[in-house]
Amino acid sequence: MDEQVRKTEVLVSGLSRNRCVLESLDVNERELGELETDSRALDTDNRELERMKAEVQAKSREANRKLKALREKFMYVKNKVKRKTLPENWKELGIMDKK
């Protein structure tokens, strides 16, 4: 998206500097204005998407860290219970292991 926005900006800039030739190129002011408006709108959307991607990546790293910590705590508690109880009592205590 960035590349297309930049290309459009360069085209609009070049055509704007040379408005005298627009008619001979069969390009009108409305089309030029639409290009500029659409390019700015896409650039705004793209910036928002990039910000959101960064937020998702940060949230994902945080969630993975929490998942790792939860797994470690889970295993610690589960193994503690397993060491102090008989296997036939495990299911009742929420431990699904067979051995």
N, C-alpha and C. Protein backbone atom coordinates (compact mmCIF):
# COMPACT_ATOMS: atom_id res chain seq x y z
N MET A 1 0.81 -1.19 0.00
CA MET A 1 0.00 0.00 0.00
C MET A 1 0.85 1.25 0.00
N ASP A 2 1.91 1.22 0.82
CA ASP A 2 2.77 2.40 0.90
C ASP A 2 3.30 2.78 -0.48
N GLU A 3 3.72 1.78 -1.23
CA GLU A 3 4.31 2.04 -2.54
C GLU A 3 3.29 2.69 -3.48
N GLN A 4 2.06 2.17 -3.47
CA GLN A 4 1.03 2.74 -4.35
C GLN A 4 0.68 4.16 -3.93
N VAL A 5 0.63 4.40 -2.64
CA VAL A 5 0.35 5.76 -2.14
C VAL A 5 1.46 6.70 -2.62
N ARG A 6 2.71 6.28 -2.47
CA ARG A 6 3.84 7.14 -2.88
C ARG A 6 3.82 7.39 -4.39
N LYS A 7 3.55 6.34 -5.17
CA LYS A 7 3.49 6.51 -6.62
C LYS A 7 2.38 7.49 -7.00
N THR A 8 1.23 7.37 -6.33
CA THR A 8 0.11 8.26 -6.61
C THR A 8 0.46 9.69 -6.24
N GLU A 9 1.14 9.88 -5.11
CA GLU A 9 1.55 11.22 -4.69
C GLU A 9 2.48 11.84 -5.73
N VAL A 10 3.41 11.06 -6.25
CA VAL A 10 4.35 11.57 -7.25
C VAL A 10 3.59 11.95 -8.53
N LEU A 11 2.64 11.09 -8.96
CA LEU A 11 1.86 11.37 -10.16
C LEU A 11 1.02 12.64 -9.98
N VAL A 12 0.33 12.72 -8.85
CA VAL A 12 -0.51 13.90 -8.58
C VAL A 12 0.36 15.16 -8.53
N SER A 13 1.49 15.07 -7.89
CA SER A 13 2.39 16.22 -7.80
C SER A 13 2.87 16.65 -9.19
N GLY A 14 3.28 15.69 -9.97
CA GLY A 14 3.75 16.01 -11.33
C GLY A 14 2.66 16.61 -12.19
N LEU A 15 1.47 16.02 -12.14
CA LEU A 15 0.37 16.55 -12.95
C LEU A 15 -0.08 17.91 -12.43
N SER A 16 -0.04 18.11 -11.12
CA SER A 16 -0.45 19.40 -10.54
C SER A 16 0.49 20.51 -10.96
N ARG A 17 1.79 20.19 -11.06
CA ARG A 17 2.77 21.20 -11.49
C ARG A 17 2.62 21.53 -12.97
N ASN A 18 1.95 20.64 -13.70
CA ASN A 18 1.81 20.83 -15.15
C ASN A 18 0.35 20.81 -15.57
N ARG A 19 -0.46 21.57 -14.85
CA ARG A 19 -1.91 21.59 -15.11
C ARG A 19 -2.24 22.02 -16.56
N CYS A 20 -1.36 22.74 -17.15
CA CYS A 20 -1.61 23.23 -18.51
C CYS A 20 -1.71 22.10 -19.53
N VAL A 21 -1.15 20.94 -19.22
CA VAL A 21 -1.18 19.83 -20.17
C VAL A 21 -2.24 18.78 -19.83
N LEU A 22 -2.98 19.00 -18.75
CA LEU A 22 -3.97 18.01 -18.33
C LEU A 22 -4.99 17.71 -19.42
N GLU A 23 -5.51 18.77 -20.04
CA GLU A 23 -6.54 18.58 -21.06
C GLU A 23 -6.02 17.76 -22.23
N SER A 24 -4.79 18.03 -22.65
CA SER A 24 -4.23 17.29 -23.79
C SER A 24 -3.97 15.82 -23.43
N LEU A 25 -3.87 15.54 -22.13
CA LEU A 25 -3.66 14.17 -21.67
C LEU A 25 -4.98 13.47 -21.33
N ASP A 26 -6.08 14.20 -21.56
CA ASP A 26 -7.42 13.70 -21.28
C ASP A 26 -7.60 13.37 -19.79
N VAL A 27 -6.97 14.21 -18.95
CA VAL A 27 -7.11 14.09 -17.49
C VAL A 27 -7.75 15.38 -17.01
N ASN A 28 -8.77 15.27 -16.19
CA ASN A 28 -9.41 16.49 -15.71
C ASN A 28 -9.11 16.71 -14.23
N GLU A 29 -9.47 17.90 -13.76
CA GLU A 29 -9.20 18.29 -12.37
C GLU A 29 -9.91 17.36 -11.38
N ARG A 30 -11.12 16.92 -11.73
CA ARG A 30 -11.88 16.04 -10.85
C ARG A 30 -11.11 14.73 -10.63
N GLU A 31 -10.58 14.16 -11.71
CA GLU A 31 -9.82 12.91 -11.60
C GLU A 31 -8.56 13.11 -10.76
N LEU A 32 -7.91 14.22 -10.98
CA LEU A 32 -6.71 14.54 -10.21
C LEU A 32 -7.05 14.67 -8.73
N GLY A 33 -8.14 15.38 -8.45
CA GLY A 33 -8.58 15.55 -7.06
C GLY A 33 -8.97 14.22 -6.42
N GLU A 34 -9.64 13.36 -7.18
CA GLU A 34 -10.02 12.05 -6.66
C GLU A 34 -8.79 11.19 -6.35
N LEU A 35 -7.81 11.26 -7.24
CA LEU A 35 -6.55 10.52 -6.99
C LEU A 35 -5.94 10.97 -5.68
N GLU A 36 -5.87 12.26 -5.49
CA GLU A 36 -5.26 12.82 -4.28
C GLU A 36 -6.06 12.43 -3.04
N THR A 37 -7.37 12.57 -3.11
CA THR A 37 -8.24 12.23 -1.97
C THR A 37 -8.16 10.74 -1.63
N ASP A 38 -8.25 9.92 -2.65
CA ASP A 38 -8.20 8.46 -2.44
C ASP A 38 -6.84 8.03 -1.89
N SER A 39 -5.79 8.66 -2.37
CA SER A 39 -4.44 8.34 -1.90
C SER A 39 -4.29 8.70 -0.43
N ARG A 40 -4.79 9.85 -0.05
CA ARG A 40 -4.71 10.27 1.37
C ARG A 40 -5.54 9.34 2.25
N ALA A 41 -6.73 8.94 1.78
CA ALA A 41 -7.59 8.05 2.55
C ALA A 41 -6.90 6.69 2.74
N LEU A 42 -6.30 6.18 1.67
CA LEU A 42 -5.60 4.90 1.77
C LEU A 42 -4.40 5.01 2.70
N ASP A 43 -3.69 6.12 2.62
CA ASP A 43 -2.54 6.32 3.50
C ASP A 43 -2.98 6.34 4.97
N THR A 44 -4.09 7.00 5.25
CA THR A 44 -4.63 7.03 6.62
C THR A 44 -4.99 5.63 7.08
N ASP A 45 -5.71 4.90 6.22
CA ASP A 45 -6.08 3.51 6.56
C ASP A 45 -4.86 2.64 6.77
N ASN A 46 -3.87 2.79 5.92
CA ASN A 46 -2.66 1.99 6.02
C ASN A 46 -1.91 2.27 7.32
N ARG A 47 -1.84 3.53 7.70
CA ARG A 47 -1.18 3.89 8.97
C ARG A 47 -1.92 3.26 10.15
N GLU A 48 -3.24 3.29 10.08
CA GLU A 48 -4.04 2.69 11.15
C GLU A 48 -3.81 1.18 11.21
N LEU A 49 -3.77 0.55 10.05
CA LEU A 49 -3.51 -0.90 10.00
C LEU A 49 -2.14 -1.24 10.58
N GLU A 50 -1.14 -0.46 10.25
CA GLU A 50 0.21 -0.70 10.77
C GLU A 50 0.23 -0.55 12.29
N ARG A 51 -0.48 0.45 12.81
CA ARG A 51 -0.57 0.64 14.25
C ARG A 51 -1.26 -0.55 14.90
N MET A 52 -2.34 -1.00 14.26
CA MET A 52 -3.08 -2.14 14.80
C MET A 52 -2.24 -3.42 14.77
N LYS A 53 -1.47 -3.61 13.70
CA LYS A 53 -0.58 -4.78 13.61
C LYS A 53 0.43 -4.77 14.75
N ALA A 54 0.99 -3.61 15.03
CA ALA A 54 1.96 -3.49 16.12
C ALA A 54 1.29 -3.82 17.46
N GLU A 55 0.06 -3.35 17.64
CA GLU A 55 -0.67 -3.65 18.88
C GLU A 55 -0.94 -5.15 19.00
N VAL A 56 -1.34 -5.77 17.89
CA VAL A 56 -1.61 -7.21 17.90
C VAL A 56 -0.33 -7.99 18.21
N GLN A 57 0.77 -7.59 17.63
CA GLN A 57 2.04 -8.27 17.90
C GLN A 57 2.41 -8.14 19.38
N ALA A 58 2.26 -6.97 19.94
CA ALA A 58 2.58 -6.76 21.35
C ALA A 58 1.64 -7.58 22.24
N LYS A 59 0.36 -7.58 21.91
CA LYS A 59 -0.62 -8.35 22.69
C LYS A 59 -0.33 -9.84 22.58
N SER A 60 0.06 -10.28 21.41
CA SER A 60 0.38 -11.69 21.19
C SER A 60 1.59 -12.11 22.02
N ARG A 61 2.62 -11.26 22.05
CA ARG A 61 3.80 -11.56 22.88
C ARG A 61 3.40 -11.64 24.36
N GLU A 62 2.56 -10.71 24.79
CA GLU A 62 2.10 -10.69 26.17
C GLU A 62 1.29 -11.96 26.49
N ALA A 63 0.39 -12.33 25.58
CA ALA A 63 -0.44 -13.53 25.79
C ALA A 63 0.44 -14.78 25.82
N ASN A 64 1.44 -14.86 24.97
CA ASN A 64 2.34 -16.02 24.97
C ASN A 64 3.13 -16.10 26.27
N ARG A 65 3.53 -14.95 26.79
CA ARG A 65 4.24 -14.93 28.06
C ARG A 65 3.33 -15.42 29.18
N LYS A 66 2.09 -14.97 29.18
CA LYS A 66 1.12 -15.39 30.19
C LYS A 66 0.81 -16.88 30.06
N LEU A 67 0.71 -17.37 28.82
CA LEU A 67 0.46 -18.79 28.59
C LEU A 67 1.59 -19.64 29.14
N LYS A 68 2.82 -19.22 28.89
CA LYS A 68 3.97 -19.95 29.39
C LYS A 68 3.96 -19.98 30.93
N ALA A 69 3.69 -18.85 31.54
CA ALA A 69 3.64 -18.78 33.00
C ALA A 69 2.52 -19.66 33.55
N LEU A 70 1.36 -19.64 32.91
CA LEU A 70 0.24 -20.47 33.36
C LEU A 70 0.58 -21.95 33.25
N ARG A 71 1.20 -22.34 32.14
CA ARG A 71 1.60 -23.75 31.98
C ARG A 71 2.56 -24.18 33.08
N GLU A 72 3.52 -23.31 33.37
CA GLU A 72 4.49 -23.64 34.41
C GLU A 72 3.82 -23.78 35.77
N LYS A 73 2.91 -22.88 36.11
CA LYS A 73 2.19 -22.96 37.38
C LYS A 73 1.30 -24.19 37.42
N PHE A 74 0.64 -24.47 36.32
CA PHE A 74 -0.23 -25.64 36.21
C PHE A 74 0.56 -26.92 36.49
N MET A 75 1.68 -27.06 35.80
CA MET A 75 2.51 -28.26 35.98
C MET A 75 3.03 -28.36 37.41
N TYR A 76 3.43 -27.25 37.98
CA TYR A 76 3.93 -27.24 39.34
C TYR A 76 2.87 -27.75 40.32
N VAL A 77 1.66 -27.18 40.22
CA VAL A 77 0.58 -27.58 41.13
C VAL A 77 0.15 -29.01 40.86
N LYS A 78 -0.01 -29.36 39.60
CA LYS A 78 -0.44 -30.72 39.25
C LYS A 78 0.55 -31.75 39.77
N ASN A 79 1.82 -31.52 39.57
CA ASN A 79 2.84 -32.48 40.03
C ASN A 79 2.89 -32.55 41.55
N LYS A 80 2.67 -31.44 42.19
CA LYS A 80 2.62 -31.41 43.65
C LYS A 80 1.48 -32.31 44.16
N VAL A 81 0.31 -32.16 43.55
CA VAL A 81 -0.85 -32.97 43.93
C VAL A 81 -0.59 -34.44 43.61
N LYS A 82 -0.03 -34.72 42.45
CA LYS A 82 0.22 -36.11 42.05
C LYS A 82 1.17 -36.81 43.02
N ARG A 83 2.16 -36.08 43.50
CA ARG A 83 3.14 -36.69 44.42
C ARG A 83 2.50 -37.04 45.77
N LYS A 84 1.45 -36.33 46.14
CA LYS A 84 0.88 -36.49 47.48
C LYS A 84 -0.44 -37.27 47.49
N THR A 85 -0.90 -37.73 46.32
CA THR A 85 -2.15 -38.48 46.27
C THR A 85 -1.99 -39.74 45.44
N LEU A 86 -2.90 -40.64 45.62
CA LEU A 86 -2.92 -41.89 44.85
C LEU A 86 -3.52 -41.63 43.47
N PRO A 87 -3.03 -42.35 42.45
CA PRO A 87 -3.53 -42.14 41.08
C PRO A 87 -5.05 -42.29 40.97
N GLU A 88 -5.67 -43.16 41.76
CA GLU A 88 -7.12 -43.34 41.65
C GLU A 88 -7.90 -42.10 42.13
N ASN A 89 -7.24 -41.19 42.82
CA ASN A 89 -7.89 -39.95 43.29
C ASN A 89 -7.65 -38.77 42.36
N TRP A 90 -6.78 -38.93 41.39
CA TRP A 90 -6.41 -37.82 40.52
C TRP A 90 -7.59 -37.23 39.76
N LYS A 91 -8.41 -38.11 39.17
CA LYS A 91 -9.53 -37.63 38.34
C LYS A 91 -10.45 -36.73 39.17
N GLU A 92 -10.74 -37.14 40.38
CA GLU A 92 -11.61 -36.37 41.27
C GLU A 92 -11.03 -35.01 41.59
N LEU A 93 -9.70 -34.94 41.59
CA LEU A 93 -8.99 -33.68 41.90
C LEU A 93 -8.72 -32.84 40.63
N GLY A 94 -9.23 -33.32 39.48
CA GLY A 94 -9.08 -32.55 38.25
C GLY A 94 -7.82 -32.88 37.46
N ILE A 95 -7.18 -33.97 37.79
CA ILE A 95 -5.97 -34.38 37.05
C ILE A 95 -6.38 -35.50 36.10
N MET A 96 -6.20 -35.27 34.82
CA MET A 96 -6.67 -36.22 33.81
C MET A 96 -5.62 -37.27 33.47
N ASP A 97 -4.42 -37.17 34.03
CA ASP A 97 -3.36 -38.13 33.76
C ASP A 97 -3.77 -39.52 34.24
N LYS A 98 -3.29 -40.56 33.55
CA LYS A 98 -3.56 -41.93 33.94
C LYS A 98 -2.45 -42.48 34.84
N LYS A 99 -1.23 -41.96 34.64
CA LYS A 99 -0.12 -42.45 35.46
C LYS A 99 0.77 -41.32 35.89
